[in-house]
Amino acid sequence: MRKYILSVWFWIGSAILTIILFFVVLLLAVILLPFDKKRKVAHAQCFWWSDCVIKLNPYWRLRVEGLENIDHHKTYVVIANHQSMADIAVLYQTRMQFKWVSKKSLFNVPFIGWCLTLTKHIKLERGEFSSIKKVYREAAEWLRKDISVLFFPEGTRSDTGQMNVFQNGAFKLAIKEKRPILPIRIQGTREAIPKGSWVFNAKVLVTITVLPAVETGSLNPADFASLRDTVFKRISGII
């Protein structure tokens, strides 16, 4: 019975926090419209939201490593593996300013999707070539405005402990825009949200590891595959 009560507490509490987040982000986006066109202040509200959601769940324990590898004066193409919806909450623990590249359907989810729209994240419509081109055009524009862009290059969440093959676009973009890649390894979030159930049964350790940046300044466009494979190996722990 206890696990059911705690699970209900978490889901209701998370929904309330997300609703509060939306109204805070909306208010700040309107008030600061002339002064915060990049929506940095609105984005930063997700930091306290992340703290609260993580602390609310008694089954989650979070460990964040490698924050010293983030230079907040630099702009990155951020590459992370993708295990579950919990990735969204825990990646805000990096306290970085960035724009997500996220599937269009998530933008339609009440409150959390509306927050993504208000904070100007990048919408991807899968299977639409014109949408993919638009995504990389928008991503390049944000990089030129000194805002990092975060990609899940697997394209979809992994259903196993193994990462899916990385797609090429983010690596071509990093080379073209001469921006370093910041790899982030996520472990444990697949178990953090129970698949096919809303009830939490076991305590889970979630680890976020920010790895050293991979410079791209000396690379040529043809080097994208080598860059992709290097980042894949680093995130997977092979090197």
C-alpha atoms as a PDB file:
ATOM      1  CA  MET A   1       0.000   0.000   0.000  1.00  0.00           C
ATOM      2  CA  ARG A   2       2.831   2.372   0.833  1.00  0.00           C
ATOM      3  CA  LYS A   3       4.284   2.241  -2.694  1.00  0.00           C
ATOM      4  CA  TYR A   4       0.870   3.131  -4.170  1.00  0.00           C
ATOM      5  CA  ILE A   5       0.471   6.120  -1.861  1.00  0.00           C
ATOM      6  CA  LEU A   6       3.987   7.360  -2.611  1.00  0.00           C
ATOM      7  CA  SER A   7       3.479   6.893  -6.359  1.00  0.00           C
ATOM      8  CA  VAL A   8       0.214   8.858  -6.288  1.00  0.00           C
ATOM      9  CA  TRP A   9       1.974  11.553  -4.253  1.00  0.00           C
ATOM     10  CA  PHE A  10       4.734  11.811  -6.850  1.00  0.00           C
ATOM     11  CA  TRP A  11       2.508  11.976  -9.935  1.00  0.00           C
ATOM     12  CA  ILE A  12       0.084  14.494  -8.436  1.00  0.00           C
ATOM     13  CA  GLY A  13       2.929  16.559  -7.012  1.00  0.00           C
ATOM     14  CA  SER A  14       4.795  16.551 -10.336  1.00  0.00           C
ATOM     15  CA  ALA A  15       1.645  17.651 -12.182  1.00  0.00           C
ATOM     16  CA  ILE A  16       1.114  20.539  -9.740  1.00  0.00           C
ATOM     17  CA  LEU A  17       4.759  21.599 -10.027  1.00  0.00           C
ATOM     18  CA  THR A  18       4.543  21.529 -13.821  1.00  0.00           C
ATOM     19  CA  ILE A  19       1.396  23.674 -13.808  1.00  0.00           C
ATOM     20  CA  ILE A  20       3.106  26.181 -11.503  1.00  0.00           C
ATOM     21  CA  LEU A  21       6.177  26.137 -13.765  1.00  0.00           C
ATOM     22  CA  PHE A  22       4.045  26.938 -16.800  1.00  0.00           C
ATOM     23  CA  PHE A  23       2.451  29.999 -15.211  1.00  0.00           C
ATOM     24  CA  VAL A  24       5.818  31.258 -13.911  1.00  0.00           C
ATOM     25  CA  VAL A  25       7.399  30.806 -17.349  1.00  0.00           C
ATOM     26  CA  LEU A  26       4.419  32.475 -19.038  1.00  0.00           C
ATOM     27  CA  LEU A  27       4.555  35.463 -16.675  1.00  0.00           C
ATOM     28  CA  LEU A  28       8.296  35.938 -17.108  1.00  0.00           C
ATOM     29  CA  ALA A  29       8.125  35.475 -20.883  1.00  0.00           C
ATOM     30  CA  VAL A  30       5.528  38.261 -21.096  1.00  0.00           C
ATOM     31  CA  ILE A  31       7.160  40.641 -18.607  1.00  0.00           C
ATOM     32  CA  LEU A  32      10.681  40.202 -19.991  1.00  0.00           C
ATOM     33  CA  LEU A  33       9.710  39.962 -23.667  1.00  0.00           C
ATOM     34  CA  PRO A  34      11.711  43.077 -24.737  1.00  0.00           C
ATOM     35  CA  PHE A  35      14.753  42.141 -22.623  1.00  0.00           C
ATOM     36  CA  ASP A  36      15.029  38.345 -22.777  1.00  0.00           C
ATOM     37  CA  LYS A  37      14.481  37.344 -26.386  1.00  0.00           C
ATOM     38  CA  LYS A  38      16.512  34.152 -25.885  1.00  0.00           C
ATOM     39  CA  ARG A  39      14.216  33.209 -22.951  1.00  0.00           C
ATOM     40  CA  LYS A  40      17.170  32.544 -20.648  1.00  0.00           C
ATOM     41  CA  VAL A  41      15.293  33.618 -17.530  1.00  0.00           C
ATOM     42  CA  ALA A  42      12.287  31.493 -18.442  1.00  0.00           C
ATOM     43  CA  HIS A  43      14.547  28.501 -19.156  1.00  0.00           C
ATOM     44  CA  ALA A  44      16.258  28.887 -15.769  1.00  0.00           C
ATOM     45  CA  GLN A  45      12.923  28.318 -14.013  1.00  0.00           C
ATOM     46  CA  CYS A  46      13.201  24.689 -15.058  1.00  0.00           C
ATOM     47  CA  PHE A  47      16.150  24.353 -12.677  1.00  0.00           C
ATOM     48  CA  TRP A  48      14.024  24.660  -9.523  1.00  0.00           C
ATOM     49  CA  TRP A  49      11.320  22.556 -11.171  1.00  0.00           C
ATOM     50  CA  SER A  50      13.909  19.806 -11.756  1.00  0.00           C
ATOM     51  CA  ASP A  51      15.110  20.025  -8.143  1.00  0.00           C
ATOM     52  CA  CYS A  52      11.575  19.694  -6.807  1.00  0.00           C
ATOM     53  CA  VAL A  53      10.525  16.817  -9.086  1.00  0.00           C
ATOM     54  CA  ILE A  54      13.632  14.809  -8.194  1.00  0.00           C
ATOM     55  CA  LYS A  55      13.302  15.429  -4.447  1.00  0.00           C
ATOM     56  CA  LEU A  56       9.603  14.620  -4.563  1.00  0.00           C
ATOM     57  CA  ASN A  57      10.209  11.006  -5.572  1.00  0.00           C
ATOM     58  CA  PRO A  58      11.479   8.934  -2.633  1.00  0.00           C
ATOM     59  CA  TYR A  59      12.509   6.172  -5.052  1.00  0.00           C
ATOM     60  CA  TRP A  60      14.989   8.335  -6.965  1.00  0.00           C
ATOM     61  CA  ARG A  61      18.545   9.122  -5.948  1.00  0.00           C
ATOM     62  CA  LEU A  62      20.536  11.350  -8.279  1.00  0.00           C
ATOM     63  CA  ARG A  63      24.274  11.677  -8.710  1.00  0.00           C
ATOM     64  CA  VAL A  64      25.708  14.359 -11.013  1.00  0.00           C
ATOM     65  CA  GLU A  65      29.333  14.092 -12.089  1.00  0.00           C
ATOM     66  CA  GLY A  66      31.656  16.113 -14.306  1.00  0.00           C
ATOM     67  CA  LEU A  67      30.071  19.567 -13.953  1.00  0.00           C
ATOM     68  CA  GLU A  68      33.610  20.965 -14.048  1.00  0.00           C
ATOM     69  CA  ASN A  69      33.660  19.997 -17.752  1.00  0.00           C
ATOM     70  CA  ILE A  70      31.045  22.664 -18.525  1.00  0.00           C
ATOM     71  CA  ASP A  71      32.396  26.076 -19.465  1.00  0.00           C
ATOM     72  CA  HIS A  72      29.336  28.307 -19.166  1.00  0.00           C
ATOM     73  CA  HIS A  73      31.029  30.894 -21.382  1.00  0.00           C
ATOM     74  CA  LYS A  74      31.126  28.440 -24.301  1.00  0.00           C
ATOM     75  CA  THR A  75      28.408  27.301 -26.676  1.00  0.00           C
ATOM     76  CA  TYR A  76      28.081  23.565 -27.270  1.00  0.00           C
ATOM     77  CA  VAL A  77      26.349  20.994 -29.359  1.00  0.00           C
ATOM     78  CA  VAL A  78      25.275  18.833 -26.425  1.00  0.00           C
ATOM     79  CA  ILE A  79      24.936  15.102 -27.123  1.00  0.00           C
ATOM     80  CA  ALA A  80      23.141  12.832 -24.638  1.00  0.00           C
ATOM     81  CA  ASN A  81      21.866   9.282 -24.740  1.00  0.00           C
ATOM     82  CA  HIS A  82      18.135   8.870 -24.213  1.00  0.00           C
ATOM     83  CA  GLN A  83      16.479   6.359 -21.874  1.00  0.00           C
ATOM     84  CA  SER A  84      13.159   7.798 -20.689  1.00  0.00           C
ATOM     85  CA  MET A  85      11.066  10.913 -20.106  1.00  0.00           C
ATOM     86  CA  ALA A  86      12.957  11.326 -16.823  1.00  0.00           C
ATOM     87  CA  ASP A  87      15.926  12.518 -18.925  1.00  0.00           C
ATOM     88  CA  ILE A  88      14.190  15.872 -19.315  1.00  0.00           C
ATOM     89  CA  ALA A  89      14.047  16.490 -15.569  1.00  0.00           C
ATOM     90  CA  VAL A  90      17.549  15.322 -14.750  1.00  0.00           C
ATOM     91  CA  LEU A  91      19.373  17.151 -17.565  1.00  0.00           C
ATOM     92  CA  TYR A  92      18.310  20.483 -16.091  1.00  0.00           C
ATOM     93  CA  GLN A  93      20.630  19.584 -13.203  1.00  0.00           C
ATOM     94  CA  THR A  94      23.516  20.689 -15.426  1.00  0.00           C
ATOM     95  CA  ARG A  95      22.255  24.283 -14.965  1.00  0.00           C
ATOM     96  CA  MET A  96      23.075  24.933 -18.626  1.00  0.00           C
ATOM     97  CA  GLN A  97      21.321  27.265 -21.019  1.00  0.00           C
ATOM     98  CA  PHE A  98      20.304  25.238 -24.063  1.00  0.00           C
ATOM     99  CA  LYS A  99      17.543  24.507 -26.532  1.00  0.00           C
ATOM    100  CA  TRP A 100      16.195  20.971 -26.764  1.00  0.00           C
ATOM    101  CA  VAL A 101      15.517  19.287 -30.073  1.00  0.00           C
ATOM    102  CA  SER A 102      12.327  17.402 -29.222  1.00  0.00           C
ATOM    103  CA  LYS A 103       9.588  15.598 -31.099  1.00  0.00           C
ATOM    104  CA  LYS A 104       6.518  17.615 -32.052  1.00  0.00           C
ATOM    105  CA  SER A 105       4.109  15.484 -29.995  1.00  0.00           C
ATOM    106  CA  LEU A 106       5.790  16.530 -26.746  1.00  0.00           C
ATOM    107  CA  PHE A 107       5.003  20.179 -27.503  1.00  0.00           C
ATOM    108  CA  ASN A 108       1.310  19.257 -27.517  1.00  0.00           C
ATOM    109  CA  VAL A 109       1.354  17.887 -23.967  1.00  0.00           C
ATOM    110  CA  PRO A 110      -0.463  20.335 -21.655  1.00  0.00           C
ATOM    111  CA  PHE A 111       1.760  22.556 -19.508  1.00  0.00           C
ATOM    112  CA  ILE A 112       5.107  20.802 -20.094  1.00  0.00           C
ATOM    113  CA  GLY A 113       4.754  21.134 -23.871  1.00  0.00           C
ATOM    114  CA  TRP A 114       3.517  24.700 -23.522  1.00  0.00           C
ATOM    115  CA  CYS A 115       6.643  25.468 -21.479  1.00  0.00           C
ATOM    116  CA  LEU A 116       8.778  24.086 -24.315  1.00  0.00           C
ATOM    117  CA  THR A 117       7.030  26.436 -26.733  1.00  0.00           C
ATOM    118  CA  LEU A 118       7.385  29.469 -24.473  1.00  0.00           C
ATOM    119  CA  THR A 119      11.089  28.841 -23.954  1.00  0.00           C
ATOM    120  CA  LYS A 120      11.617  28.475 -27.714  1.00  0.00           C
ATOM    121  CA  HIS A 121      12.869  24.922 -27.934  1.00  0.00           C
ATOM    122  CA  ILE A 122      13.180  23.252 -31.330  1.00  0.00           C
ATOM    123  CA  LYS A 123      10.319  21.157 -32.668  1.00  0.00           C
ATOM    124  CA  LEU A 124      11.030  18.037 -34.733  1.00  0.00           C
ATOM    125  CA  GLU A 125       8.380  16.288 -36.800  1.00  0.00           C
ATOM    126  CA  ARG A 126       9.700  12.794 -37.430  1.00  0.00           C
ATOM    127  CA  GLY A 127       9.601  11.433 -40.939  1.00  0.00           C
ATOM    128  CA  GLU A 128       9.258  14.888 -42.495  1.00  0.00           C
ATOM    129  CA  PHE A 129      12.395  15.831 -44.441  1.00  0.00           C
ATOM    130  CA  SER A 130      11.406  19.505 -44.513  1.00  0.00           C
ATOM    131  CA  SER A 131      11.039  19.441 -40.710  1.00  0.00           C
ATOM    132  CA  ILE A 132      14.492  17.912 -40.282  1.00  0.00           C
ATOM    133  CA  LYS A 133      16.041  20.628 -42.451  1.00  0.00           C
ATOM    134  CA  LYS A 134      14.187  23.262 -40.446  1.00  0.00           C
ATOM    135  CA  VAL A 135      15.460  21.776 -37.172  1.00  0.00           C
ATOM    136  CA  TYR A 136      19.098  22.052 -38.221  1.00  0.00           C
ATOM    137  CA  ARG A 137      18.540  25.555 -39.557  1.00  0.00           C
ATOM    138  CA  GLU A 138      17.033  26.638 -36.234  1.00  0.00           C
ATOM    139  CA  ALA A 139      19.776  24.866 -34.299  1.00  0.00           C
ATOM    140  CA  ALA A 140      22.459  26.691 -36.288  1.00  0.00           C
ATOM    141  CA  GLU A 141      20.731  30.014 -35.613  1.00  0.00           C
ATOM    142  CA  TRP A 142      20.733  29.371 -31.853  1.00  0.00           C
ATOM    143  CA  LEU A 143      24.404  28.368 -31.901  1.00  0.00           C
ATOM    144  CA  ARG A 144      25.228  31.622 -33.680  1.00  0.00           C
ATOM    145  CA  LYS A 145      23.356  33.425 -30.898  1.00  0.00           C
ATOM    146  CA  ASP A 146      25.611  31.645 -28.383  1.00  0.00           C
ATOM    147  CA  ILE A 147      22.936  29.287 -27.091  1.00  0.00           C
ATOM    148  CA  SER A 148      23.835  25.594 -26.858  1.00  0.00           C
ATOM    149  CA  VAL A 149      21.611  23.010 -28.535  1.00  0.00           C
ATOM    150  CA  LEU A 150      20.916  19.581 -27.011  1.00  0.00           C
ATOM    151  CA  PHE A 151      20.370  16.537 -29.217  1.00  0.00           C
ATOM    152  CA  PHE A 152      19.382  12.951 -28.476  1.00  0.00           C
ATOM    153  CA  PRO A 153      21.085  11.522 -31.592  1.00  0.00           C
ATOM    154  CA  GLU A 154      19.674   8.019 -31.095  1.00  0.00           C
ATOM    155  CA  GLY A 155      16.457   9.460 -32.514  1.00  0.00           C
ATOM    156  CA  THR A 156      14.275   7.539 -30.065  1.00  0.00           C
ATOM    157  CA  ARG A 157      14.584   6.144 -26.567  1.00  0.00           C
ATOM    158  CA  SER A 158      16.530   2.934 -26.133  1.00  0.00           C
ATOM    159  CA  ASP A 159      14.445  -0.017 -24.913  1.00  0.00           C
ATOM    160  CA  THR A 160      17.513  -1.930 -23.768  1.00  0.00           C
ATOM    161  CA  GLY A 161      20.693  -1.196 -21.882  1.00  0.00           C
ATOM    162  CA  GLN A 162      22.459  -0.589 -25.192  1.00  0.00           C
ATOM    163  CA  MET A 163      22.473   2.732 -27.017  1.00  0.00           C
ATOM    164  CA  ASN A 164      20.925   2.967 -30.457  1.00  0.00           C
ATOM    165  CA  VAL A 165      23.067   4.046 -33.409  1.00  0.00           C
ATOM    166  CA  PHE A 166      23.713   7.798 -33.480  1.00  0.00           C
ATOM    167  CA  GLN A 167      22.313   9.780 -36.384  1.00  0.00           C
ATOM    168  CA  ASN A 168      24.682  12.061 -38.286  1.00  0.00           C
ATOM    169  CA  GLY A 169      23.049  15.496 -38.285  1.00  0.00           C
ATOM    170  CA  ALA A 170      24.235  16.876 -34.938  1.00  0.00           C
ATOM    171  CA  PHE A 171      27.844  16.001 -35.751  1.00  0.00           C
ATOM    172  CA  LYS A 172      27.715  17.608 -39.175  1.00  0.00           C
ATOM    173  CA  LEU A 173      26.237  20.694 -37.525  1.00  0.00           C
ATOM    174  CA  ALA A 174      28.978  20.870 -34.875  1.00  0.00           C
ATOM    175  CA  ILE A 175      31.681  20.737 -37.545  1.00  0.00           C
ATOM    176  CA  LYS A 176      29.949  23.259 -39.781  1.00  0.00           C
ATOM    177  CA  GLU A 177      29.429  25.749 -36.938  1.00  0.00           C
ATOM    178  CA  LYS A 178      32.825  24.997 -35.345  1.00  0.00           C
ATOM    179  CA  ARG A 179      31.266  24.337 -31.955  1.00  0.00           C
ATOM    180  CA  PRO A 180      32.609  21.774 -29.475  1.00  0.00           C
ATOM    181  CA  ILE A 181      30.514  18.746 -28.639  1.00  0.00           C
ATOM    182  CA  LEU A 182      29.672  18.199 -24.968  1.00  0.00           C
ATOM    183  CA  PRO A 183      28.870  14.503 -24.371  1.00  0.00           C
ATOM    184  CA  ILE A 184      26.563  13.590 -21.467  1.00  0.00           C
ATOM    185  CA  ARG A 185      26.046  10.033 -20.260  1.00  0.00           C
ATOM    186  CA  ILE A 186      22.695   9.234 -18.605  1.00  0.00           C
ATOM    187  CA  GLN A 187      22.336   6.053 -16.561  1.00  0.00           C
ATOM    188  CA  GLY A 188      19.364   4.744 -14.603  1.00  0.00           C
ATOM    189  CA  THR A 189      16.483   6.811 -15.985  1.00  0.00           C
ATOM    190  CA  ARG A 190      15.100   3.832 -17.897  1.00  0.00           C
ATOM    191  CA  GLU A 191      14.437   2.208 -14.515  1.00  0.00           C
ATOM    192  CA  ALA A 192      13.415   5.508 -12.905  1.00  0.00           C
ATOM    193  CA  ILE A 193      10.032   5.560 -14.669  1.00  0.00           C
ATOM    194  CA  PRO A 194       8.417   2.086 -14.542  1.00  0.00           C
ATOM    195  CA  LYS A 195       7.567   0.862 -18.028  1.00  0.00           C
ATOM    196  CA  GLY A 196       3.865   0.129 -18.490  1.00  0.00           C
ATOM    197  CA  SER A 197       3.002   1.157 -14.933  1.00  0.00           C
ATOM    198  CA  TRP A 198       2.606   4.262 -12.779  1.00  0.00           C
ATOM    199  CA  VAL A 199       3.731   2.545  -9.558  1.00  0.00           C
ATOM    200  CA  PHE A 200       7.322   2.832  -8.325  1.00  0.00           C
ATOM    201  CA  ASN A 201       8.589  -0.438  -6.857  1.00  0.00           C
ATOM    202  CA  ALA A 202      12.306  -0.041  -6.229  1.00  0.00           C
ATOM    203  CA  LYS A 203      14.855   2.638  -5.438  1.00  0.00           C
ATOM    204  CA  VAL A 204      16.910   3.716  -8.441  1.00  0.00           C
ATOM    205  CA  LEU A 205      20.239   5.500  -8.700  1.00  0.00           C
ATOM    206  CA  VAL A 206      20.289   7.910 -11.633  1.00  0.00           C
ATOM    207  CA  THR A 207      23.700   9.152 -12.732  1.00  0.00           C
ATOM    208  CA  ILE A 208      24.395  12.082 -15.030  1.00  0.00           C
ATOM    209  CA  THR A 209      28.010  12.294 -16.178  1.00  0.00           C
ATOM    210  CA  VAL A 210      29.223  15.321 -18.126  1.00  0.00           C
ATOM    211  CA  LEU A 211      32.242  14.194 -20.132  1.00  0.00           C
ATOM    212  CA  PRO A 212      35.065  16.425 -21.429  1.00  0.00           C
ATOM    213  CA  ALA A 213      34.174  18.415 -24.536  1.00  0.00           C
ATOM    214  CA  VAL A 214      35.295  17.261 -27.970  1.00  0.00           C
ATOM    215  CA  GLU A 215      36.685  20.122 -30.042  1.00  0.00           C
ATOM    216  CA  THR A 216      35.686  20.404 -33.698  1.00  0.00           C
ATOM    217  CA  GLY A 217      37.619  23.483 -34.829  1.00  0.00           C
ATOM    218  CA  SER A 218      40.189  21.516 -36.836  1.00  0.00           C
ATOM    219  CA  LEU A 219      37.737  19.054 -38.382  1.00  0.00           C
ATOM    220  CA  ASN A 220      36.529  18.997 -41.988  1.00  0.00           C
ATOM    221  CA  PRO A 221      32.966  18.155 -43.095  1.00  0.00           C
ATOM    222  CA  ALA A 222      34.080  14.655 -44.107  1.00  0.00           C
ATOM    223  CA  ASP A 223      35.156  13.948 -40.515  1.00  0.00           C
ATOM    224  CA  PHE A 224      31.586  13.747 -39.193  1.00  0.00           C
ATOM    225  CA  ALA A 225      31.522   9.929 -39.054  1.00  0.00           C
ATOM    226  CA  SER A 226      34.741   9.744 -37.066  1.00  0.00           C
ATOM    227  CA  LEU A 227      33.449  12.427 -34.700  1.00  0.00           C
ATOM    228  CA  ARG A 228      30.132  10.589 -34.309  1.00  0.00           C
ATOM    229  CA  ASP A 229      31.854   7.308 -33.506  1.00  0.00           C
ATOM    230  CA  THR A 230      34.224   8.941 -31.010  1.00  0.00           C
ATOM    231  CA  VAL A 231      31.358  10.564 -29.108  1.00  0.00           C
ATOM    232  CA  PHE A 232      29.327   7.330 -29.198  1.00  0.00           C
ATOM    233  CA  LYS A 233      32.233   5.411 -27.664  1.00  0.00           C
ATOM    234  CA  ARG A 234      32.775   8.025 -24.961  1.00  0.00           C
ATOM    235  CA  ILE A 235      29.142   8.061 -23.892  1.00  0.00           C
ATOM    236  CA  SER A 236      28.906   4.269 -23.985  1.00  0.00           C
ATOM    237  CA  GLY A 237      32.088   4.035 -21.869  1.00  0.00           C
ATOM    238  CA  ILE A 238      34.143   2.185 -24.457  1.00  0.00           C
ATOM    239  CA  ILE A 239      36.823   4.898 -24.367  1.00  0.00           C
END
